């Protein structure tokens, strides 16, 4: 898989800016005191899907070819990834099919449907739902979107780290403009890869 660079993250920011507002980065004194160092919280719960993954969804779907947009996309998800692809597809007029295991979380399914995507229930777990999504892509010509191994998703999510560093620099003393540590609460490999690109690419 192609490993996104800082240039990819900067390009992703330009693509998502018309659709997503910059989320707040806030410091909470009680939290910082409790852990013994200054802590800032990036409020991705302010996104329209209440999660960071919409950044990657918009960055990817906005770059689909005309043929891919015409045929539609398919992916597998048990929650936030599915919502991000559903909403991004709705924004760009693309048909989206989200494959989920049988007996999925009803709140997540309702949210995905509210964003205009079609739900297909098949399989007892995520792996079987993913296999079904891959099968539909082969048979129907849909653009299959992997839940993590997608450079455009990773670059889009990387814009979180970019915003955090820029906000920290803006608030710092001009002679002390170095973010020492960037700690992320990770949902999976996608966010780990995306955030690792920012400090690394800036060296």
Foldseek 3Di string as FASTA:
>chain_A
DDQDAPVLLVVLCVQCVVPWDQFDWAWDPVVCVVVVHTDIDTQCCPTPQRDLQLLLLLLVVVPDDPVQQVLAEEEEDLADLLLSVLQNNLVVVGAYEYEYEPPGDPVRVVSSVVSPYHYDYHHHHRVRSRVVRVVCCVVRVHHYDYSAPDNSSLSRSLNSLVVVLVVQQVPDDVVPSDDDDDDDDDPDDSPVSSVVNPVVNVD
